[in-house]
Amino acid sequence: MPNIKSAKKRVKVTEKKTLQNKMFKSSMKTEIKKYNAAVASGDVALAQAAYKSAVKKIDVAASKGIIHKNAAAHKKSQFTKALAGMQK
């Protein structure tokens, strides 16, 4: 446990930010699961709606530094390919 006042504050801030990041990452994963379920069900309209929300969450996560920008691009590319495959 830190003794210096500024170090104590940093511990508090870090704990708070860690919780916020966990909450956001969890909601992002939920959106991804919803999209994957929509693709598995074969419902194109539902998949398109889920795609929009999942990609938006991924973009926000990448901009906040929760996931790496290349990981975000990779996920979005996978989602786009899966959606395009459904529409054929």
N, C-alpha and C. Protein backbone atom coordinates (compact mmCIF):
# COMPACT_ATOMS: atom_id res chain seq x y z
N MET A 1 0.84 -1.18 0.00
CA MET A 1 0.00 0.00 0.00
C MET A 1 0.89 1.24 0.00
N PRO A 2 0.58 2.19 -0.86
CA PRO A 2 1.43 3.39 -0.93
C PRO A 2 1.26 4.31 0.28
N ASN A 3 2.33 5.05 0.55
CA ASN A 3 2.31 6.00 1.67
C ASN A 3 2.10 7.43 1.20
N ILE A 4 2.53 7.72 -0.02
CA ILE A 4 2.47 9.07 -0.54
C ILE A 4 1.05 9.36 -1.04
N LYS A 5 0.60 10.59 -0.77
CA LYS A 5 -0.78 10.96 -1.09
C LYS A 5 -1.10 10.79 -2.58
N SER A 6 -0.19 11.22 -3.45
CA SER A 6 -0.45 11.13 -4.89
C SER A 6 -0.49 9.66 -5.35
N ALA A 7 0.32 8.83 -4.73
CA ALA A 7 0.33 7.41 -5.08
C ALA A 7 -0.97 6.74 -4.64
N LYS A 8 -1.48 7.17 -3.47
CA LYS A 8 -2.77 6.64 -3.00
C LYS A 8 -3.87 7.01 -3.98
N LYS A 9 -3.83 8.25 -4.46
CA LYS A 9 -4.83 8.70 -5.42
C LYS A 9 -4.73 7.88 -6.71
N ARG A 10 -3.53 7.63 -7.18
CA ARG A 10 -3.34 6.86 -8.41
C ARG A 10 -3.92 5.45 -8.26
N VAL A 11 -3.79 4.85 -7.09
CA VAL A 11 -4.35 3.52 -6.85
C VAL A 11 -5.86 3.56 -6.98
N LYS A 12 -6.49 4.59 -6.37
CA LYS A 12 -7.95 4.74 -6.46
C LYS A 12 -8.40 4.94 -7.91
N VAL A 13 -7.71 5.82 -8.62
CA VAL A 13 -8.07 6.13 -10.00
C VAL A 13 -7.90 4.88 -10.88
N THR A 14 -6.83 4.15 -10.66
CA THR A 14 -6.57 2.94 -11.44
C THR A 14 -7.66 1.90 -11.21
N GLU A 15 -8.07 1.74 -9.97
CA GLU A 15 -9.14 0.78 -9.66
C GLU A 15 -10.44 1.17 -10.37
N LYS A 16 -10.75 2.45 -10.34
CA LYS A 16 -11.97 2.95 -10.96
C LYS A 16 -11.93 2.74 -12.48
N LYS A 17 -10.80 3.10 -13.09
CA LYS A 17 -10.65 2.96 -14.55
C LYS A 17 -10.67 1.48 -14.95
N THR A 18 -10.08 0.62 -14.14
CA THR A 18 -10.08 -0.81 -14.43
C THR A 18 -11.50 -1.34 -14.44
N LEU A 19 -12.31 -0.90 -13.50
CA LEU A 19 -13.71 -1.32 -13.47
C LEU A 19 -14.46 -0.84 -14.70
N GLN A 20 -14.23 0.41 -15.10
CA GLN A 20 -14.90 0.95 -16.28
C GLN A 20 -14.49 0.17 -17.53
N ASN A 21 -13.20 -0.15 -17.64
CA ASN A 21 -12.72 -0.90 -18.80
C ASN A 21 -13.32 -2.31 -18.82
N LYS A 22 -13.41 -2.94 -17.65
CA LYS A 22 -14.01 -4.28 -17.57
C LYS A 22 -15.47 -4.25 -17.99
N MET A 23 -16.20 -3.23 -17.52
CA MET A 23 -17.61 -3.11 -17.87
C MET A 23 -17.78 -2.93 -19.37
N PHE A 24 -16.96 -2.07 -19.95
CA PHE A 24 -17.09 -1.83 -21.38
C PHE A 24 -16.70 -3.05 -22.19
N LYS A 25 -15.63 -3.72 -21.78
CA LYS A 25 -15.17 -4.91 -22.50
C LYS A 25 -16.22 -6.02 -22.42
N SER A 26 -16.87 -6.12 -21.28
CA SER A 26 -17.92 -7.12 -21.10
C SER A 26 -19.11 -6.83 -22.03
N SER A 27 -19.49 -5.56 -22.11
CA SER A 27 -20.62 -5.22 -22.99
C SER A 27 -20.24 -5.43 -24.46
N MET A 28 -18.98 -5.18 -24.79
CA MET A 28 -18.51 -5.42 -26.16
C MET A 28 -18.59 -6.91 -26.49
N LYS A 29 -18.15 -7.74 -25.56
CA LYS A 29 -18.20 -9.19 -25.78
C LYS A 29 -19.65 -9.67 -25.93
N THR A 30 -20.56 -9.07 -25.18
CA THR A 30 -21.97 -9.42 -25.29
C THR A 30 -22.50 -9.10 -26.68
N GLU A 31 -22.15 -7.92 -27.20
CA GLU A 31 -22.58 -7.53 -28.55
C GLU A 31 -22.01 -8.50 -29.59
N ILE A 32 -20.76 -8.92 -29.39
CA ILE A 32 -20.13 -9.86 -30.32
C ILE A 32 -20.87 -11.20 -30.28
N LYS A 33 -21.24 -11.65 -29.09
CA LYS A 33 -21.98 -12.91 -28.96
C LYS A 33 -23.34 -12.81 -29.64
N LYS A 34 -24.00 -11.66 -29.50
CA LYS A 34 -25.30 -11.46 -30.15
C LYS A 34 -25.14 -11.53 -31.66
N TYR A 35 -24.08 -10.92 -32.18
CA TYR A 35 -23.84 -10.95 -33.62
C TYR A 35 -23.58 -12.38 -34.09
N ASN A 36 -22.73 -13.09 -33.37
CA ASN A 36 -22.42 -14.48 -33.75
C ASN A 36 -23.67 -15.35 -33.72
N ALA A 37 -24.54 -15.13 -32.75
CA ALA A 37 -25.79 -15.89 -32.66
C ALA A 37 -26.70 -15.56 -33.84
N ALA A 38 -26.73 -14.28 -34.23
CA ALA A 38 -27.57 -13.88 -35.37
C ALA A 38 -27.05 -14.50 -36.67
N VAL A 39 -25.74 -14.56 -36.83
CA VAL A 39 -25.15 -15.18 -38.02
C VAL A 39 -25.45 -16.68 -38.02
N ALA A 40 -25.33 -17.31 -36.86
CA ALA A 40 -25.59 -18.74 -36.76
C ALA A 40 -27.06 -19.07 -37.05
N SER A 41 -27.96 -18.17 -36.68
CA SER A 41 -29.38 -18.42 -36.91
C SER A 41 -29.76 -18.25 -38.38
N GLY A 42 -28.96 -17.48 -39.12
CA GLY A 42 -29.21 -17.30 -40.54
C GLY A 42 -30.15 -16.15 -40.87
N ASP A 43 -30.53 -15.38 -39.88
CA ASP A 43 -31.44 -14.24 -40.09
C ASP A 43 -30.62 -13.02 -40.53
N VAL A 44 -30.72 -12.66 -41.82
CA VAL A 44 -29.89 -11.59 -42.38
C VAL A 44 -30.21 -10.23 -41.75
N ALA A 45 -31.48 -9.91 -41.58
CA ALA A 45 -31.86 -8.61 -41.02
C ALA A 45 -31.35 -8.45 -39.59
N LEU A 46 -31.52 -9.49 -38.80
CA LEU A 46 -31.04 -9.47 -37.42
C LEU A 46 -29.52 -9.36 -37.38
N ALA A 47 -28.86 -10.07 -38.29
CA ALA A 47 -27.40 -10.05 -38.34
C ALA A 47 -26.89 -8.66 -38.72
N GLN A 48 -27.58 -7.98 -39.65
CA GLN A 48 -27.15 -6.65 -40.04
C GLN A 48 -27.28 -5.66 -38.88
N ALA A 49 -28.35 -5.77 -38.13
CA ALA A 49 -28.54 -4.88 -36.97
C ALA A 49 -27.48 -5.17 -35.91
N ALA A 50 -27.23 -6.44 -35.66
CA ALA A 50 -26.23 -6.82 -34.66
C ALA A 50 -24.83 -6.42 -35.12
N TYR A 51 -24.60 -6.49 -36.43
CA TYR A 51 -23.30 -6.10 -37.00
C TYR A 51 -23.01 -4.64 -36.71
N LYS A 52 -24.00 -3.78 -36.93
CA LYS A 52 -23.81 -2.34 -36.69
C LYS A 52 -23.43 -2.06 -35.24
N SER A 53 -24.17 -2.67 -34.32
CA SER A 53 -23.90 -2.39 -32.90
C SER A 53 -22.57 -2.99 -32.46
N ALA A 54 -22.23 -4.18 -32.97
CA ALA A 54 -20.97 -4.81 -32.59
C ALA A 54 -19.78 -4.02 -33.11
N VAL A 55 -19.86 -3.57 -34.37
CA VAL A 55 -18.76 -2.81 -34.95
C VAL A 55 -18.59 -1.48 -34.22
N LYS A 56 -19.70 -0.86 -33.85
CA LYS A 56 -19.61 0.40 -33.11
C LYS A 56 -18.91 0.19 -31.77
N LYS A 57 -19.29 -0.86 -31.05
CA LYS A 57 -18.65 -1.15 -29.75
C LYS A 57 -17.15 -1.40 -29.94
N ILE A 58 -16.80 -2.13 -30.99
CA ILE A 58 -15.39 -2.45 -31.24
C ILE A 58 -14.61 -1.17 -31.55
N ASP A 59 -15.20 -0.28 -32.36
CA ASP A 59 -14.54 0.98 -32.69
C ASP A 59 -14.30 1.82 -31.44
N VAL A 60 -15.29 1.89 -30.59
CA VAL A 60 -15.16 2.68 -29.36
C VAL A 60 -14.09 2.06 -28.46
N ALA A 61 -14.08 0.73 -28.36
CA ALA A 61 -13.08 0.05 -27.54
C ALA A 61 -11.67 0.33 -28.06
N ALA A 62 -11.51 0.32 -29.37
CA ALA A 62 -10.20 0.59 -29.95
C ALA A 62 -9.78 2.04 -29.71
N SER A 63 -10.73 2.96 -29.80
CA SER A 63 -10.39 4.37 -29.60
C SER A 63 -10.04 4.66 -28.14
N LYS A 64 -10.64 3.90 -27.22
CA LYS A 64 -10.34 4.09 -25.80
C LYS A 64 -9.12 3.31 -25.35
N GLY A 65 -8.58 2.46 -26.24
CA GLY A 65 -7.40 1.68 -25.90
C GLY A 65 -7.72 0.41 -25.13
N ILE A 66 -8.97 -0.01 -25.12
CA ILE A 66 -9.35 -1.22 -24.41
C ILE A 66 -8.88 -2.45 -25.18
N ILE A 67 -8.98 -2.36 -26.52
CA ILE A 67 -8.38 -3.39 -27.36
C ILE A 67 -7.48 -2.69 -28.38
N HIS A 68 -6.54 -3.43 -28.92
CA HIS A 68 -5.60 -2.86 -29.89
C HIS A 68 -6.32 -2.56 -31.20
N LYS A 69 -5.87 -1.52 -31.90
CA LYS A 69 -6.55 -1.12 -33.12
C LYS A 69 -6.48 -2.20 -34.20
N ASN A 70 -5.38 -2.97 -34.24
CA ASN A 70 -5.28 -4.05 -35.22
C ASN A 70 -6.22 -5.20 -34.87
N ALA A 71 -6.41 -5.45 -33.58
CA ALA A 71 -7.35 -6.48 -33.15
C ALA A 71 -8.77 -6.07 -33.53
N ALA A 72 -9.06 -4.79 -33.40
CA ALA A 72 -10.38 -4.26 -33.77
C ALA A 72 -10.59 -4.42 -35.27
N ALA A 73 -9.59 -4.09 -36.06
CA ALA A 73 -9.69 -4.22 -37.52
C ALA A 73 -9.88 -5.67 -37.92
N HIS A 74 -9.19 -6.56 -37.24
CA HIS A 74 -9.30 -8.00 -37.53
C HIS A 74 -10.71 -8.51 -37.24
N LYS A 75 -11.25 -8.13 -36.09
CA LYS A 75 -12.60 -8.56 -35.72
C LYS A 75 -13.63 -8.02 -36.72
N LYS A 76 -13.52 -6.73 -37.06
CA LYS A 76 -14.47 -6.12 -37.99
C LYS A 76 -14.40 -6.79 -39.36
N SER A 77 -13.20 -7.15 -39.77
CA SER A 77 -13.03 -7.84 -41.05
C SER A 77 -13.71 -9.20 -41.03
N GLN A 78 -13.54 -9.93 -39.93
CA GLN A 78 -14.19 -11.24 -39.79
C GLN A 78 -15.70 -11.08 -39.85
N PHE A 79 -16.23 -10.08 -39.15
CA PHE A 79 -17.67 -9.87 -39.12
C PHE A 79 -18.21 -9.52 -40.50
N THR A 80 -17.47 -8.68 -41.21
CA THR A 80 -17.90 -8.27 -42.55
C THR A 80 -17.92 -9.46 -43.49
N LYS A 81 -16.90 -10.30 -43.41
CA LYS A 81 -16.84 -11.50 -44.26
C LYS A 81 -18.01 -12.43 -43.98
N ALA A 82 -18.32 -12.62 -42.69
CA ALA A 82 -19.42 -13.51 -42.32
C ALA A 82 -20.75 -12.96 -42.81
N LEU A 83 -20.94 -11.66 -42.70
CA LEU A 83 -22.18 -11.02 -43.15
C LEU A 83 -22.31 -11.10 -44.67
N ALA A 84 -21.21 -10.87 -45.37
CA ALA A 84 -21.23 -10.95 -46.84
C ALA A 84 -21.52 -12.37 -47.29
N GLY A 85 -21.01 -13.35 -46.55
CA GLY A 85 -21.26 -14.74 -46.89
C GLY A 85 -22.72 -15.13 -46.72
N MET A 86 -23.39 -14.48 -45.78
CA MET A 86 -24.82 -14.76 -45.56
C MET A 86 -25.68 -14.21 -46.69
N GLN A 87 -25.27 -13.08 -47.25
CA GLN A 87 -26.09 -12.37 -48.21
C GLN A 87 -26.01 -12.94 -49.63
N LYS A 88 -25.11 -13.90 -49.84
CA LYS A 88 -24.98 -14.51 -51.18
C LYS A 88 -26.13 -15.41 -51.50
